[in-house]
Amino acid sequence: MHLRRWLALPLAVPVAFAALSFFAPAAQASVGIGVQASPVSLGIAAHAGGSYALPPVYVQNTGTQAETVTVQVMRLSKGTGRVVPPSWVRATGPGLQLAPGQSAEIPLELAVPGGAQAGPYLSDVVVSGSAATSAGRANFGVAAATKLEFSVTPGSPPGLWPFGPSWMWWTAIWLLVLAPLVIAAFRSGIRVRIRIERTPPGVAHATSRRDAMRRSGLRTVMVLLAVTGLAACGTPAPTTSGTPGGGSSIAISLNVVPTLIKVSVSPSSASFANCSGGNANVNTASTPDALGFPNGQCWLGTPGPNGSTPITITNQGVAADVYVSGANAVPSDGGTQWGLCNFGTSPVVACSGGGGNPGTNQYVAQNFSAGIINTAGLTNTIKCDFLFAGDQCLAAQGDSQTEGIKLTGPTSSSDHSTLWTVTIQWLAVSL
C-alpha cells in the first residue's frame, strides 16, 4: 500500500490557482480599447510592387490600466473582396503605450508585392491591448477592429511623375516646348564666334552691326528661357482686397456623437475556484482551488439562474459585433502548453481523451451566462460570442453581458508546473 502511494506521487501534478477574491482593488481594474469606426481606406488604386502610406488608425485606451497597443490584420468583416495578407500591412511607428484614457494615431504602410492579383481587397485592422498579465490566473483581454479596404489595379506602379514639387514638372514641360525654338535659332545663324582678323575700314561698320544683331538675338532667347523658368517655379497667390468698413464673425459650436468601436472587460483578471474531479486513488483529485487529473474541472463563477457571472463585457462605442477567443494555457516554467480542444460533433479541434474529454496537454474553456453555456467551448480562432443579444453577438452602445468560465483540464500533462495562466479575449468588430 505504501509502495503504491510512493509510485503514485510522480502523477500528482495538480494545477494550483490562487484563491479568488473580487474585493481586491486590482481585481476591479478594467481593460478597454477603442478604434475608429470609419474604415481605413486607400484613396487611390494601388499597383503591384508599390508601397503606400495608409491613413493612420485612431486608437484609445478606454480601460483603467496602461496598455501596450498592437496592430494586426485579419479578415473578420463580411463583404466582397480578397483577403488582405497580414504581411502586406505594418505599423510604421514604434511600439505604442497608452495610459488610461489616452488616445493616439498609429501610422500604417501598405506594401503590395509584385504579382498581386487585381481587384478589391477587404480585411480588418485589429487593435489589441496587452495589459500586464498575472501568472496563475485567468486574464482577460480586449481588442477592437475596423475595416481595411483598397483596390489593386493592373500594371506597374507609376514612376516619379506624381512626386516632387509641381513647379519642377511645369519647368520641364516649358523647356521641352522651347527646346525646338532654341535649336532653330542656332541653326539660323545666331551664334557667338570669337575671331581675330583684320577688317578693311569700309567693311568694319557693317560687320559690327551683324554681330550685334546675332548677340542680341541670343540674349533674347536666353532671357525668354529664364523668364519662363521663373514663371513656372511659382505663381504668387492671388490677394484678396479687404472688405471696406471691416467685418465680424461668429463661432458656433457643434457637438457630434462619438464614432468609436470600444469594448471593455472588468475585472482584468481573476482566479478559478470550486474545482472538482480527478482521481483520489492516485492522489490527483482536485482540491477546492487546484485542478486535478484526469479531467478535473474548475469554475470562475457558477452557472444557473441563481449563479454568479463575475466577468462584465461592455460595448462602450457604436453598435458592433462582439467576438471571443481563447488561447493556450501557459505554465509558469515556460514549458509545454495546453491547447484548446472542443466538445460536440463538429469540433474545431477534437478532444483526444476517453469519452470525448481533453487528452494529454489539452483543455476546454466554456463561457456561460446565467441562462446559457457555450457547449462546444472556446477556440483559438475568434468566433461570435452568441451569449450577447439572445444567441447573437450584436451589441448596441451601452449593452453589457456578464459571463463566467468553466475549465476542464487534460487527462495528463507533460509539464509539471503547478501554476498556469489562461487568457481569454473579447473583440468588438465594426458593422
Foldseek 3Di string as FASTA:
>chain_A
DVVLQVVLVVQQQWFFADDWDCPDPLQFWKWKKKWFQAEFEDPDAAEAQDKDKTFWIKMWTQTQAKWFKDKWKFADDDDDAAEDPRVQKDFPDDTDIDHHGDMDTTIMMGGHHHPDDWFKHKIKIKMWTDGDDDWQWEFETEIEIYMYIHTHDYDHDDDCVVDDDQLVVQLVVVCVVCVVVVVVLVVVPLDDDDDDDDDPPVCVVVVVVVVVVSVVVVVVSVVVSVVSSVCSNDDDDDDDDADPPHDDDDDDDDDDADRMFMKMKGPRITAWFCKADADVVSPQTADGRIAGADWIKTKFWDEALPIDQRMKMAGAHAKFFKWKAWAWKAFPVRDQTAFEWWDDDDIPHFADDPPRAHAESYKFKWKDAHPDIPRTGHHRDIDGPLQPPPRGRIDGRGDMGGIMMMMIHYNGYPDSGNIIYIYMYMYTYRD
